[in-house]
Amino acid sequence: EQQRIVGLLDEAFVGIAAAKANAEKNLQNARAIFESHLQSVFCRRGEGWIEATLGEVCEMYQPKTIGLKDLVSDGQYPVFGANGIIGRYDKFNHEEPQLLITCRGATCGSVNISEQFSWITGNAMVVRPLDKALDLGYLEYAFRGGINTSKAITGSAQPQITRTNLSPLPISFPFPVEEQKRLAASFRSLAAETQRLARLYERKLAAQEALKKSLLHQAFTGAL
């Protein structure tokens, strides 16, 4: 009886392992397709594209930092730290959404977009277009696939990005700004589809793991 149960489990686990491997491969492919598309657009460029440095077309600064002790649990405004929202506060220091680059720690170089009326701390670098010739939505995807922020990271024990190191990095963008908006919209659409597929494959992985646990439970309770 033990051998019969082991045989059933072995056969089932081989199938589960194959299904998980397939789902993991599809998940990686979905993410790779999006990254590949971004890189192809920024590498291909085209007629009418402008090449500049970030320092020439963007304002960069780190806002005033507040500590965790300053956060207010029922504060009206979200507080953005190095990696997104870290709490709430009763004041805001930015009315409009801003592009944020993580400038300290292991996730140095990560990209976030803040919400309207939020407090942004100095653990994130605000990168803001100097004028309307550069679209914020396009700038976001340029950082995700067209700007190599790793070149601006210094330090190994405590990686960091400074404005001095970020400013010389090259950026390319089409002109007029309407073309930037069109590209940003296409990037958002592809990103949404990529995220939908990623959630689908992640659910499949979770389902396979749940099936494995269920079979083991059945085996050890005499229900198999």
N, C-alpha and C. Protein backbone atom coordinates (compact mmCIF):
# COMPACT_ATOMS: atom_id res chain seq x y z
N GLU A 1 0.84 -1.20 0.00
CA GLU A 1 0.00 0.00 0.00
C GLU A 1 0.87 1.25 0.00
N GLN A 2 1.96 1.19 0.79
CA GLN A 2 2.90 2.31 0.80
C GLN A 2 3.49 2.54 -0.58
N GLN A 3 3.87 1.42 -1.23
CA GLN A 3 4.47 1.52 -2.55
C GLN A 3 3.48 2.06 -3.57
N ARG A 4 2.20 1.66 -3.41
CA ARG A 4 1.16 2.17 -4.32
C ARG A 4 1.02 3.68 -4.18
N ILE A 5 1.01 4.16 -2.92
CA ILE A 5 0.87 5.59 -2.66
C ILE A 5 2.09 6.35 -3.19
N VAL A 6 3.29 5.80 -2.95
CA VAL A 6 4.51 6.44 -3.45
C VAL A 6 4.49 6.52 -4.98
N GLY A 7 4.02 5.46 -5.61
CA GLY A 7 3.95 5.46 -7.07
C GLY A 7 3.00 6.53 -7.58
N LEU A 8 1.85 6.69 -6.92
CA LEU A 8 0.90 7.72 -7.31
C LEU A 8 1.49 9.11 -7.13
N LEU A 9 2.16 9.31 -5.97
CA LEU A 9 2.75 10.62 -5.70
C LEU A 9 3.87 10.94 -6.69
N ASP A 10 4.72 9.94 -6.96
CA ASP A 10 5.82 10.16 -7.90
C ASP A 10 5.30 10.58 -9.27
N GLU A 11 4.28 9.88 -9.73
CA GLU A 11 3.71 10.19 -11.05
C GLU A 11 3.08 11.59 -11.06
N ALA A 12 2.35 11.90 -9.98
CA ALA A 12 1.71 13.21 -9.91
C ALA A 12 2.74 14.33 -9.82
N PHE A 13 3.80 14.10 -9.04
CA PHE A 13 4.79 15.15 -8.83
C PHE A 13 5.61 15.42 -10.09
N VAL A 14 5.80 14.39 -10.91
CA VAL A 14 6.49 14.60 -12.19
C VAL A 14 5.66 15.54 -13.07
N GLY A 15 4.36 15.31 -13.11
CA GLY A 15 3.47 16.17 -13.89
C GLY A 15 3.41 17.58 -13.34
N ILE A 16 3.38 17.70 -12.01
CA ILE A 16 3.33 19.02 -11.37
C ILE A 16 4.62 19.78 -11.65
N ALA A 17 5.76 19.10 -11.55
CA ALA A 17 7.05 19.74 -11.80
C ALA A 17 7.12 20.26 -13.23
N ALA A 18 6.61 19.47 -14.18
CA ALA A 18 6.63 19.89 -15.58
C ALA A 18 5.74 21.10 -15.79
N ALA A 19 4.55 21.09 -15.15
CA ALA A 19 3.63 22.22 -15.28
C ALA A 19 4.21 23.48 -14.66
N LYS A 20 4.88 23.34 -13.51
CA LYS A 20 5.50 24.49 -12.86
C LYS A 20 6.63 25.05 -13.72
N ALA A 21 7.44 24.17 -14.28
CA ALA A 21 8.55 24.63 -15.12
C ALA A 21 8.03 25.39 -16.33
N ASN A 22 6.93 24.90 -16.91
CA ASN A 22 6.34 25.56 -18.08
C ASN A 22 5.79 26.94 -17.70
N ALA A 23 5.11 27.01 -16.53
CA ALA A 23 4.55 28.28 -16.08
C ALA A 23 5.67 29.28 -15.77
N GLU A 24 6.74 28.81 -15.14
CA GLU A 24 7.86 29.69 -14.82
C GLU A 24 8.52 30.22 -16.09
N LYS A 25 8.66 29.35 -17.09
CA LYS A 25 9.24 29.78 -18.37
C LYS A 25 8.37 30.82 -19.04
N ASN A 26 7.04 30.58 -19.03
CA ASN A 26 6.12 31.54 -19.64
C ASN A 26 6.15 32.88 -18.90
N LEU A 27 6.29 32.82 -17.57
CA LEU A 27 6.37 34.04 -16.77
C LEU A 27 7.62 34.84 -17.14
N GLN A 28 8.74 34.16 -17.25
CA GLN A 28 9.99 34.82 -17.64
C GLN A 28 9.89 35.40 -19.06
N ASN A 29 9.26 34.64 -19.96
CA ASN A 29 9.12 35.10 -21.34
C ASN A 29 8.26 36.35 -21.43
N ALA A 30 7.18 36.38 -20.64
CA ALA A 30 6.29 37.54 -20.67
C ALA A 30 7.04 38.79 -20.25
N ARG A 31 7.84 38.68 -19.20
CA ARG A 31 8.61 39.84 -18.73
C ARG A 31 9.71 40.20 -19.72
N ALA A 32 10.33 39.19 -20.32
CA ALA A 32 11.42 39.43 -21.27
C ALA A 32 10.91 40.14 -22.52
N ILE A 33 9.71 39.78 -22.97
CA ILE A 33 9.14 40.40 -24.17
C ILE A 33 8.97 41.90 -23.96
N PHE A 34 8.45 42.29 -22.79
CA PHE A 34 8.25 43.70 -22.49
C PHE A 34 9.59 44.45 -22.45
N GLU A 35 10.56 43.88 -21.75
CA GLU A 35 11.88 44.52 -21.65
C GLU A 35 12.55 44.62 -23.02
N SER A 36 12.39 43.55 -23.83
CA SER A 36 12.99 43.54 -25.16
C SER A 36 12.35 44.61 -26.05
N HIS A 37 11.03 44.78 -25.93
CA HIS A 37 10.34 45.79 -26.73
C HIS A 37 10.82 47.19 -26.36
N LEU A 38 10.95 47.46 -25.06
CA LEU A 38 11.44 48.77 -24.62
C LEU A 38 12.83 49.05 -25.20
N GLN A 39 13.71 48.09 -25.05
CA GLN A 39 15.08 48.28 -25.51
C GLN A 39 15.15 48.47 -27.02
N SER A 40 14.29 47.74 -27.76
CA SER A 40 14.32 47.87 -29.21
C SER A 40 13.89 49.26 -29.66
N VAL A 41 12.89 49.83 -28.97
CA VAL A 41 12.42 51.18 -29.31
C VAL A 41 13.51 52.20 -29.03
N PHE A 42 14.14 52.11 -27.86
CA PHE A 42 15.14 53.11 -27.49
C PHE A 42 16.44 52.95 -28.27
N CYS A 43 16.71 51.74 -28.73
CA CYS A 43 17.93 51.53 -29.54
C CYS A 43 17.70 51.92 -31.00
N ARG A 44 16.49 51.66 -31.49
CA ARG A 44 16.18 51.92 -32.90
C ARG A 44 16.07 53.41 -33.17
N ARG A 45 15.38 54.10 -32.27
CA ARG A 45 15.14 55.53 -32.40
C ARG A 45 14.53 55.84 -33.76
N GLY A 46 14.89 56.96 -34.34
CA GLY A 46 14.31 57.31 -35.64
C GLY A 46 14.58 58.76 -35.96
N GLU A 47 14.05 59.20 -37.09
CA GLU A 47 14.26 60.58 -37.53
C GLU A 47 13.55 61.54 -36.58
N GLY A 48 14.22 62.60 -36.23
CA GLY A 48 13.61 63.59 -35.36
C GLY A 48 13.86 63.36 -33.88
N TRP A 49 14.64 62.32 -33.56
CA TRP A 49 14.94 62.06 -32.15
C TRP A 49 16.04 63.01 -31.67
N ILE A 50 15.93 63.39 -30.41
CA ILE A 50 16.88 64.31 -29.79
C ILE A 50 17.72 63.53 -28.77
N GLU A 51 19.00 63.79 -28.77
CA GLU A 51 19.89 63.18 -27.79
C GLU A 51 20.43 64.26 -26.87
N ALA A 52 20.33 63.99 -25.56
CA ALA A 52 20.78 64.96 -24.57
C ALA A 52 21.23 64.19 -23.33
N THR A 53 21.63 64.92 -22.31
CA THR A 53 21.92 64.30 -21.02
C THR A 53 20.76 64.61 -20.08
N LEU A 54 20.61 63.80 -19.06
CA LEU A 54 19.52 64.03 -18.11
C LEU A 54 19.64 65.41 -17.47
N GLY A 55 20.87 65.83 -17.20
CA GLY A 55 21.06 67.13 -16.58
C GLY A 55 20.62 68.29 -17.46
N GLU A 56 20.61 68.08 -18.78
CA GLU A 56 20.20 69.14 -19.71
C GLU A 56 18.69 69.27 -19.82
N VAL A 57 17.98 68.18 -19.58
CA VAL A 57 16.52 68.22 -19.82
C VAL A 57 15.69 67.98 -18.56
N CYS A 58 16.36 67.64 -17.45
CA CYS A 58 15.61 67.34 -16.22
C CYS A 58 16.17 68.05 -15.01
N GLU A 59 15.27 68.37 -14.10
CA GLU A 59 15.66 68.85 -12.77
C GLU A 59 15.74 67.63 -11.86
N MET A 60 16.78 67.54 -11.03
CA MET A 60 16.94 66.39 -10.14
C MET A 60 17.27 66.87 -8.73
N TYR A 61 16.55 66.33 -7.76
CA TYR A 61 16.80 66.74 -6.37
C TYR A 61 16.23 65.70 -5.41
N GLN A 62 16.74 65.74 -4.18
CA GLN A 62 16.22 64.89 -3.11
C GLN A 62 15.51 65.78 -2.11
N PRO A 63 14.20 65.56 -1.90
CA PRO A 63 13.43 66.41 -0.99
C PRO A 63 13.83 66.20 0.47
N LYS A 64 13.25 66.98 1.32
CA LYS A 64 13.49 66.87 2.76
C LYS A 64 12.99 65.53 3.28
N THR A 65 13.81 64.86 4.06
CA THR A 65 13.45 63.55 4.60
C THR A 65 12.76 63.70 5.95
N ILE A 66 11.72 62.91 6.15
CA ILE A 66 11.10 62.81 7.47
C ILE A 66 11.32 61.39 7.98
N GLY A 67 11.42 61.22 9.29
CA GLY A 67 11.66 59.91 9.88
C GLY A 67 10.37 59.13 10.08
N LEU A 68 10.53 57.85 10.37
CA LEU A 68 9.36 56.99 10.62
C LEU A 68 8.55 57.50 11.79
N LYS A 69 9.23 58.12 12.76
CA LYS A 69 8.52 58.63 13.94
C LYS A 69 7.61 59.81 13.59
N ASP A 70 7.85 60.42 12.43
CA ASP A 70 7.04 61.57 12.01
C ASP A 70 5.76 61.15 11.28
N LEU A 71 5.68 59.88 10.87
CA LEU A 71 4.53 59.42 10.12
C LEU A 71 3.27 59.45 10.99
N VAL A 72 2.15 59.69 10.34
CA VAL A 72 0.85 59.76 11.03
C VAL A 72 -0.03 58.65 10.46
N SER A 73 -0.47 57.73 11.33
CA SER A 73 -1.19 56.54 10.86
C SER A 73 -2.42 56.88 10.04
N ASP A 74 -3.13 57.95 10.42
CA ASP A 74 -4.34 58.33 9.69
C ASP A 74 -4.10 59.60 8.86
N GLY A 75 -2.83 59.82 8.48
CA GLY A 75 -2.51 61.02 7.70
C GLY A 75 -3.22 61.04 6.37
N GLN A 76 -3.48 62.23 5.87
CA GLN A 76 -4.25 62.38 4.64
C GLN A 76 -3.43 62.07 3.39
N TYR A 77 -2.10 62.19 3.50
CA TYR A 77 -1.27 62.10 2.29
C TYR A 77 -0.28 60.94 2.37
N PRO A 78 -0.05 60.23 1.25
CA PRO A 78 0.92 59.14 1.25
C PRO A 78 2.34 59.67 1.29
N VAL A 79 3.22 58.90 1.91
CA VAL A 79 4.64 59.25 1.99
C VAL A 79 5.42 58.25 1.15
N PHE A 80 6.21 58.77 0.19
CA PHE A 80 7.00 57.91 -0.68
C PHE A 80 8.45 57.92 -0.22
N GLY A 81 8.97 56.70 0.04
CA GLY A 81 10.36 56.54 0.40
C GLY A 81 11.14 55.97 -0.76
N ALA A 82 12.16 55.17 -0.44
CA ALA A 82 13.04 54.63 -1.48
C ALA A 82 12.31 53.68 -2.42
N ASN A 83 11.33 52.95 -1.89
CA ASN A 83 10.69 51.90 -2.71
C ASN A 83 9.17 51.99 -2.70
N GLY A 84 8.65 53.19 -2.77
CA GLY A 84 7.20 53.35 -2.80
C GLY A 84 6.66 53.90 -1.49
N ILE A 85 5.39 53.66 -1.25
CA ILE A 85 4.71 54.24 -0.09
C ILE A 85 5.19 53.56 1.20
N ILE A 86 5.59 54.39 2.18
CA ILE A 86 6.06 53.86 3.46
C ILE A 86 5.14 54.26 4.62
N GLY A 87 4.12 55.06 4.35
CA GLY A 87 3.21 55.48 5.40
C GLY A 87 2.39 56.68 4.98
N ARG A 88 1.84 57.38 5.98
CA ARG A 88 0.99 58.54 5.74
C ARG A 88 1.53 59.73 6.53
N TYR A 89 1.11 60.94 6.11
CA TYR A 89 1.57 62.16 6.77
C TYR A 89 0.47 63.20 6.62
N ASP A 90 0.50 64.21 7.50
CA ASP A 90 -0.56 65.22 7.44
C ASP A 90 -0.17 66.43 6.58
N LYS A 91 0.96 66.31 5.87
CA LYS A 91 1.39 67.37 4.95
C LYS A 91 1.84 66.73 3.64
N PHE A 92 1.91 67.55 2.59
CA PHE A 92 2.47 67.07 1.33
C PHE A 92 3.50 68.08 0.85
N ASN A 93 4.49 67.61 0.09
CA ASN A 93 5.48 68.53 -0.47
C ASN A 93 5.50 68.52 -2.00
N HIS A 94 4.61 67.72 -2.61
CA HIS A 94 4.47 67.71 -4.07
C HIS A 94 2.99 67.56 -4.44
N GLU A 95 2.50 68.47 -5.25
CA GLU A 95 1.10 68.40 -5.67
C GLU A 95 0.90 67.43 -6.84
N GLU A 96 1.86 67.38 -7.75
CA GLU A 96 1.73 66.56 -8.96
C GLU A 96 2.53 65.26 -8.82
N PRO A 97 2.14 64.21 -9.57
CA PRO A 97 2.93 62.97 -9.58
C PRO A 97 4.35 63.26 -10.07
N GLN A 98 5.31 62.59 -9.46
CA GLN A 98 6.71 62.77 -9.82
C GLN A 98 7.35 61.42 -10.13
N LEU A 99 8.38 61.45 -10.98
CA LEU A 99 9.15 60.25 -11.24
C LEU A 99 10.24 60.17 -10.18
N LEU A 100 10.32 59.01 -9.51
CA LEU A 100 11.25 58.83 -8.41
C LEU A 100 12.23 57.70 -8.73
N ILE A 101 13.50 57.94 -8.46
CA ILE A 101 14.53 56.94 -8.61
C ILE A 101 15.08 56.60 -7.23
N THR A 102 15.05 55.33 -6.87
CA THR A 102 15.61 54.90 -5.59
C THR A 102 17.11 55.23 -5.59
N CYS A 103 17.56 56.00 -4.61
CA CYS A 103 18.95 56.44 -4.64
C CYS A 103 19.80 55.88 -3.51
N ARG A 104 19.23 54.95 -2.74
CA ARG A 104 20.03 54.31 -1.68
C ARG A 104 19.59 52.85 -1.52
N GLY A 105 20.56 51.99 -1.19
CA GLY A 105 20.23 50.61 -0.85
C GLY A 105 20.30 49.63 -2.01
N ALA A 106 19.85 48.40 -1.70
CA ALA A 106 19.97 47.30 -2.66
C ALA A 106 19.15 47.50 -3.92
N THR A 107 18.05 48.27 -3.83
CA THR A 107 17.19 48.48 -5.00
C THR A 107 17.52 49.79 -5.72
N CYS A 108 18.72 50.29 -5.51
CA CYS A 108 19.16 51.55 -6.12
C CYS A 108 18.91 51.53 -7.63
N GLY A 109 18.27 52.58 -8.14
CA GLY A 109 17.97 52.66 -9.56
C GLY A 109 16.56 52.27 -9.93
N SER A 110 15.80 51.73 -8.96
CA SER A 110 14.41 51.36 -9.23
C SER A 110 13.56 52.60 -9.49
N VAL A 111 12.49 52.41 -10.27
CA VAL A 111 11.65 53.53 -10.69
C VAL A 111 10.28 53.45 -10.02
N ASN A 112 9.80 54.58 -9.51
CA ASN A 112 8.45 54.68 -8.97
C ASN A 112 7.82 55.99 -9.46
N ILE A 113 6.50 56.02 -9.47
CA ILE A 113 5.76 57.24 -9.78
C ILE A 113 4.91 57.57 -8.56
N SER A 114 5.08 58.77 -8.02
CA SER A 114 4.32 59.16 -6.84
C SER A 114 2.89 59.53 -7.20
N GLU A 115 2.06 59.67 -6.20
CA GLU A 115 0.67 60.08 -6.39
C GLU A 115 0.56 61.60 -6.27
N GLN A 116 -0.59 62.11 -6.67
CA GLN A 116 -0.87 63.53 -6.45
C GLN A 116 -0.90 63.80 -4.96
N PHE A 117 -0.47 64.98 -4.56
CA PHE A 117 -0.49 65.41 -3.17
C PHE A 117 0.14 64.34 -2.27
N SER A 118 1.44 64.24 -2.35
CA SER A 118 2.18 63.27 -1.55
C SER A 118 3.44 63.91 -0.99
N TRP A 119 3.98 63.28 0.06
CA TRP A 119 5.26 63.70 0.61
C TRP A 119 6.31 62.74 0.09
N ILE A 120 7.35 63.27 -0.53
CA ILE A 120 8.44 62.45 -1.06
C ILE A 120 9.67 62.69 -0.18
N THR A 121 10.28 61.62 0.32
CA THR A 121 11.44 61.77 1.19
C THR A 121 12.73 61.79 0.38
N GLY A 122 13.82 62.13 1.06
CA GLY A 122 15.12 62.23 0.41
C GLY A 122 15.75 60.90 0.06
N ASN A 123 15.08 59.78 0.39
CA ASN A 123 15.60 58.48 -0.02
C ASN A 123 15.29 58.19 -1.48
N ALA A 124 14.53 59.07 -2.10
CA ALA A 124 14.21 58.95 -3.53
C ALA A 124 14.66 60.22 -4.23
N MET A 125 15.18 60.05 -5.43
CA MET A 125 15.58 61.19 -6.24
C MET A 125 14.43 61.57 -7.17
N VAL A 126 13.97 62.81 -7.06
CA VAL A 126 12.94 63.30 -7.97
C VAL A 126 13.61 63.70 -9.28
N VAL A 127 13.11 63.17 -10.39
CA VAL A 127 13.62 63.53 -11.72
C VAL A 127 12.45 64.13 -12.49
N ARG A 128 12.53 65.43 -12.75
CA ARG A 128 11.39 66.14 -13.33
C ARG A 128 11.79 66.86 -14.61
N PRO A 129 11.03 66.67 -15.70
CA PRO A 129 11.33 67.39 -16.94
C PRO A 129 11.36 68.90 -16.71
N LEU A 130 12.32 69.56 -17.31
CA LEU A 130 12.46 71.00 -17.13
C LEU A 130 11.36 71.79 -17.84
N ASP A 131 10.87 71.25 -18.96
CA ASP A 131 9.80 71.93 -19.68
C ASP A 131 8.90 70.89 -20.34
N LYS A 132 7.92 71.35 -21.09
CA LYS A 132 6.92 70.46 -21.68
C LYS A 132 7.42 69.77 -22.95
N ALA A 133 8.69 69.94 -23.27
CA ALA A 133 9.25 69.25 -24.43
C ALA A 133 9.53 67.78 -24.12
N LEU A 134 9.47 67.40 -22.83
CA LEU A 134 9.71 66.03 -22.43
C LEU A 134 8.53 65.55 -21.58
N ASP A 135 7.89 64.47 -22.01
CA ASP A 135 6.71 63.94 -21.33
C ASP A 135 7.12 63.05 -20.15
N LEU A 136 6.45 63.22 -19.00
CA LEU A 136 6.77 62.45 -17.81
C LEU A 136 6.53 60.96 -18.02
N GLY A 137 5.45 60.61 -18.72
CA GLY A 137 5.17 59.20 -18.99
C GLY A 137 6.25 58.55 -19.83
N TYR A 138 6.73 59.27 -20.84
CA TYR A 138 7.82 58.76 -21.66
C TYR A 138 9.09 58.63 -20.83
N LEU A 139 9.35 59.62 -19.98
CA LEU A 139 10.55 59.61 -19.14
C LEU A 139 10.56 58.37 -18.24
N GLU A 140 9.39 58.00 -17.72
CA GLU A 140 9.30 56.80 -16.88
C GLU A 140 9.82 55.57 -17.61
N TYR A 141 9.33 55.36 -18.85
CA TYR A 141 9.74 54.16 -19.58
C TYR A 141 11.16 54.27 -20.11
N ALA A 142 11.63 55.50 -20.31
CA ALA A 142 13.04 55.67 -20.68
C ALA A 142 13.93 55.15 -19.55
N PHE A 143 13.53 55.41 -18.31
CA PHE A 143 14.29 54.90 -17.16
C PHE A 143 14.14 53.39 -17.03
N ARG A 144 13.03 52.86 -17.48
CA ARG A 144 12.82 51.41 -17.36
C ARG A 144 13.53 50.63 -18.46
N GLY A 145 13.86 51.27 -19.57
CA GLY A 145 14.47 50.49 -20.65
C GLY A 145 15.46 51.22 -21.52
N GLY A 146 15.61 52.53 -21.36
CA GLY A 146 16.48 53.27 -22.25
C GLY A 146 17.63 53.99 -21.59
N ILE A 147 17.64 54.02 -20.26
CA ILE A 147 18.71 54.70 -19.52
C ILE A 147 19.37 53.70 -18.59
N ASN A 148 20.67 53.57 -18.70
CA ASN A 148 21.41 52.61 -17.88
C ASN A 148 21.83 53.27 -16.57
N THR A 149 20.95 53.20 -15.56
CA THR A 149 21.23 53.86 -14.29
C THR A 149 22.35 53.17 -13.50
N SER A 150 22.69 51.94 -13.89
CA SER A 150 23.75 51.24 -13.16
C SER A 150 25.08 52.01 -13.24
N LYS A 151 25.24 52.78 -14.30
CA LYS A 151 26.47 53.56 -14.46
C LYS A 151 26.55 54.71 -13.45
N ALA A 152 25.42 55.04 -12.83
CA ALA A 152 25.40 56.14 -11.87
C ALA A 152 25.50 55.65 -10.43
N ILE A 153 25.50 54.34 -10.23
CA ILE A 153 25.53 53.77 -8.88
C ILE A 153 26.96 53.65 -8.38
N THR A 154 27.20 54.15 -7.19
CA THR A 154 28.51 54.03 -6.56
C THR A 154 28.36 53.34 -5.21
N GLY A 155 29.47 52.77 -4.72
CA GLY A 155 29.45 52.11 -3.42
C GLY A 155 28.96 50.68 -3.53
N SER A 156 29.59 49.78 -2.80
CA SER A 156 29.19 48.38 -2.82
C SER A 156 28.47 48.00 -1.53
N ALA A 157 29.00 48.41 -0.39
CA ALA A 157 28.35 48.10 0.89
C ALA A 157 27.02 48.83 1.00
N GLN A 158 26.99 50.09 0.54
CA GLN A 158 25.77 50.90 0.57
C GLN A 158 25.63 51.62 -0.77
N PRO A 159 25.06 50.94 -1.78
CA PRO A 159 24.93 51.55 -3.11
C PRO A 159 24.12 52.85 -3.04
N GLN A 160 24.51 53.82 -3.85
CA GLN A 160 23.76 55.07 -3.90
C GLN A 160 23.89 55.73 -5.26
N ILE A 161 22.90 56.57 -5.56
CA ILE A 161 22.91 57.38 -6.79
C ILE A 161 22.85 58.83 -6.37
N THR A 162 23.73 59.64 -6.93
CA THR A 162 23.72 61.06 -6.66
C THR A 162 23.33 61.83 -7.92
N ARG A 163 22.92 63.05 -7.72
CA ARG A 163 22.56 63.90 -8.86
C ARG A 163 23.76 64.12 -9.78
N THR A 164 24.94 64.23 -9.18
CA THR A 164 26.16 64.43 -9.96
C THR A 164 26.41 63.27 -10.92
N ASN A 165 26.15 62.04 -10.43
CA ASN A 165 26.37 60.86 -11.27
C ASN A 165 25.24 60.61 -12.26
N LEU A 166 24.04 61.07 -11.90
CA LEU A 166 22.88 60.83 -12.75
C LEU A 166 22.82 61.82 -13.92
N SER A 167 23.25 63.04 -13.68
CA SER A 167 23.13 64.11 -14.68
C SER A 167 23.78 63.81 -16.03
N PRO A 168 24.97 63.18 -16.08
CA PRO A 168 25.62 62.97 -17.40
C PRO A 168 25.03 61.83 -18.22
N LEU A 169 24.12 61.04 -17.66
CA LEU A 169 23.60 59.89 -18.40
C LEU A 169 22.82 60.37 -19.63
N PRO A 170 23.01 59.70 -20.77
CA PRO A 170 22.33 60.12 -22.00
C PRO A 170 20.87 59.68 -22.03
N ILE A 171 20.05 60.48 -22.67
CA ILE A 171 18.64 60.15 -22.90
C ILE A 171 18.29 60.56 -24.32
N SER A 172 17.50 59.74 -24.99
CA SER A 172 17.03 60.04 -26.34
C SER A 172 15.51 60.10 -26.32
N PHE A 173 14.95 61.04 -27.06
CA PHE A 173 13.49 61.14 -27.10
C PHE A 173 13.05 61.75 -28.43
N PRO A 174 11.90 61.33 -28.92
CA PRO A 174 11.38 61.89 -30.18
C PRO A 174 10.77 63.26 -29.95
N PHE A 175 10.73 64.02 -31.01
CA PHE A 175 10.08 65.32 -30.96
C PHE A 175 9.21 65.45 -32.20
N PRO A 176 7.96 65.89 -32.08
CA PRO A 176 7.35 66.60 -30.95
C PRO A 176 6.93 65.67 -29.80
N VAL A 177 6.44 66.30 -28.73
CA VAL A 177 6.10 65.58 -27.51
C VAL A 177 4.93 64.62 -27.72
N GLU A 178 4.09 64.88 -28.74
CA GLU A 178 2.96 63.99 -29.02
C GLU A 178 3.44 62.58 -29.33
N GLU A 179 4.58 62.45 -30.00
CA GLU A 179 5.13 61.14 -30.30
C GLU A 179 5.60 60.44 -29.02
N GLN A 180 6.12 61.21 -28.08
CA GLN A 180 6.49 60.64 -26.79
C GLN A 180 5.25 60.10 -26.07
N LYS A 181 4.17 60.86 -26.12
CA LYS A 181 2.94 60.43 -25.47
C LYS A 181 2.39 59.17 -26.13
N ARG A 182 2.51 59.08 -27.46
CA ARG A 182 2.04 57.89 -28.16
C ARG A 182 2.85 56.66 -27.75
N LEU A 183 4.16 56.83 -27.68
CA LEU A 183 5.00 55.72 -27.26
C LEU A 183 4.70 55.31 -25.82
N ALA A 184 4.54 56.30 -24.95
CA ALA A 184 4.24 56.00 -23.55
C ALA A 184 2.93 55.22 -23.42
N ALA A 185 1.93 55.59 -24.22
CA ALA A 185 0.64 54.89 -24.20
C ALA A 185 0.81 53.45 -24.66
N SER A 186 1.63 53.24 -25.70
CA SER A 186 1.85 51.87 -26.18
C SER A 186 2.62 51.06 -25.16
N PHE A 187 3.57 51.68 -24.46
CA PHE A 187 4.32 50.99 -23.40
C PHE A 187 3.38 50.60 -22.27
N ARG A 188 2.49 51.51 -21.89
CA ARG A 188 1.54 51.22 -20.80
C ARG A 188 0.64 50.05 -21.16
N SER A 189 0.18 50.04 -22.43
CA SER A 189 -0.70 48.96 -22.87
C SER A 189 0.02 47.62 -22.82
N LEU A 190 1.25 47.58 -23.31
CA LEU A 190 2.02 46.34 -23.28
C LEU A 190 2.36 45.94 -21.86
N ALA A 191 2.66 46.93 -21.00
CA ALA A 191 2.96 46.63 -19.59
C ALA A 191 1.74 46.02 -18.91
N ALA A 192 0.54 46.54 -19.20
CA ALA A 192 -0.68 46.01 -18.60
C ALA A 192 -0.91 44.56 -19.04
N GLU A 193 -0.67 44.28 -20.31
CA GLU A 193 -0.84 42.91 -20.81
C GLU A 193 0.21 41.98 -20.20
N THR A 194 1.44 42.48 -20.06
CA THR A 194 2.49 41.69 -19.42
C THR A 194 2.13 41.37 -17.98
N GLN A 195 1.61 42.35 -17.27
CA GLN A 195 1.21 42.13 -15.87
C GLN A 195 0.05 41.16 -15.77
N ARG A 196 -0.87 41.23 -16.74
CA ARG A 196 -2.00 40.28 -16.74
C ARG A 196 -1.49 38.86 -16.93
N LEU A 197 -0.58 38.67 -17.88
CA LEU A 197 -0.02 37.35 -18.11
C LEU A 197 0.79 36.88 -16.91
N ALA A 198 1.54 37.80 -16.30
CA ALA A 198 2.34 37.44 -15.13
C ALA A 198 1.45 36.96 -13.99
N ARG A 199 0.34 37.67 -13.77
CA ARG A 199 -0.60 37.25 -12.70
C ARG A 199 -1.19 35.88 -13.02
N LEU A 200 -1.48 35.64 -14.30
CA LEU A 200 -2.04 34.35 -14.71
C LEU A 200 -1.05 33.22 -14.41
N TYR A 201 0.21 33.40 -14.79
CA TYR A 201 1.21 32.36 -14.58
C TYR A 201 1.54 32.20 -13.09
N GLU A 202 1.50 33.31 -12.35
CA GLU A 202 1.73 33.22 -10.91
C GLU A 202 0.61 32.44 -10.22
N ARG A 203 -0.63 32.62 -10.70
CA ARG A 203 -1.75 31.84 -10.15
C ARG A 203 -1.60 30.36 -10.48
N LYS A 204 -1.11 30.08 -11.68
CA LYS A 204 -0.89 28.68 -12.05
C LYS A 204 0.18 28.04 -11.18
N LEU A 205 1.24 28.78 -10.89
CA LEU A 205 2.29 28.27 -10.02
C LEU A 205 1.75 28.00 -8.62
N ALA A 206 0.94 28.94 -8.12
CA ALA A 206 0.35 28.76 -6.79
C ALA A 206 -0.59 27.56 -6.77
N ALA A 207 -1.34 27.37 -7.87
CA ALA A 207 -2.27 26.24 -7.94
C ALA A 207 -1.53 24.91 -7.96
N GLN A 208 -0.41 24.85 -8.66
CA GLN A 208 0.39 23.62 -8.71
C GLN A 208 0.96 23.29 -7.33
N GLU A 209 1.41 24.32 -6.62
CA GLU A 209 1.95 24.10 -5.27
C GLU A 209 0.84 23.65 -4.32
N ALA A 210 -0.35 24.24 -4.48
CA ALA A 210 -1.48 23.84 -3.64
C ALA A 210 -1.89 22.40 -3.93
N LEU A 211 -1.85 22.00 -5.20
CA LEU A 211 -2.18 20.63 -5.58
C LEU A 211 -1.20 19.64 -4.96
N LYS A 212 0.06 20.00 -4.96
CA LYS A 212 1.09 19.14 -4.37
C LYS A 212 0.83 18.94 -2.88
N LYS A 213 0.53 20.00 -2.16
CA LYS A 213 0.24 19.91 -0.73
C LYS A 213 -1.03 19.10 -0.48
N SER A 214 -2.02 19.27 -1.35
CA SER A 214 -3.27 18.52 -1.20
C SER A 214 -3.05 17.02 -1.37
N LEU A 215 -2.23 16.65 -2.36
CA LEU A 215 -1.94 15.23 -2.58
C LEU A 215 -1.19 14.63 -1.40
N LEU A 216 -0.26 15.37 -0.84
CA LEU A 216 0.47 14.89 0.32
C LEU A 216 -0.47 14.72 1.51
N HIS A 217 -1.38 15.66 1.68
CA HIS A 217 -2.35 15.56 2.79
C HIS A 217 -3.23 14.34 2.61
N GLN A 218 -3.69 14.13 1.39
CA GLN A 218 -4.54 12.96 1.12
C GLN A 218 -3.77 11.66 1.37
N ALA A 219 -2.48 11.66 0.98
CA ALA A 219 -1.68 10.45 1.13
C ALA A 219 -1.51 10.07 2.60
N PHE A 220 -1.33 11.02 3.46
CA PHE A 220 -1.07 10.77 4.86
C PHE A 220 -2.32 10.74 5.73
N THR A 221 -3.47 10.91 5.10
CA THR A 221 -4.73 10.77 5.83
C THR A 221 -5.55 9.59 5.28
N GLY A 222 -4.92 8.83 4.38
CA GLY A 222 -5.58 7.63 3.86
C GLY A 222 -6.63 7.90 2.81
N ALA A 223 -6.62 9.09 2.22
CA ALA A 223 -7.66 9.45 1.25
C ALA A 223 -7.18 9.28 -0.19
N LEU A 224 -5.96 8.83 -0.37
CA LEU A 224 -5.42 8.73 -1.72
C LEU A 224 -5.60 7.32 -2.27
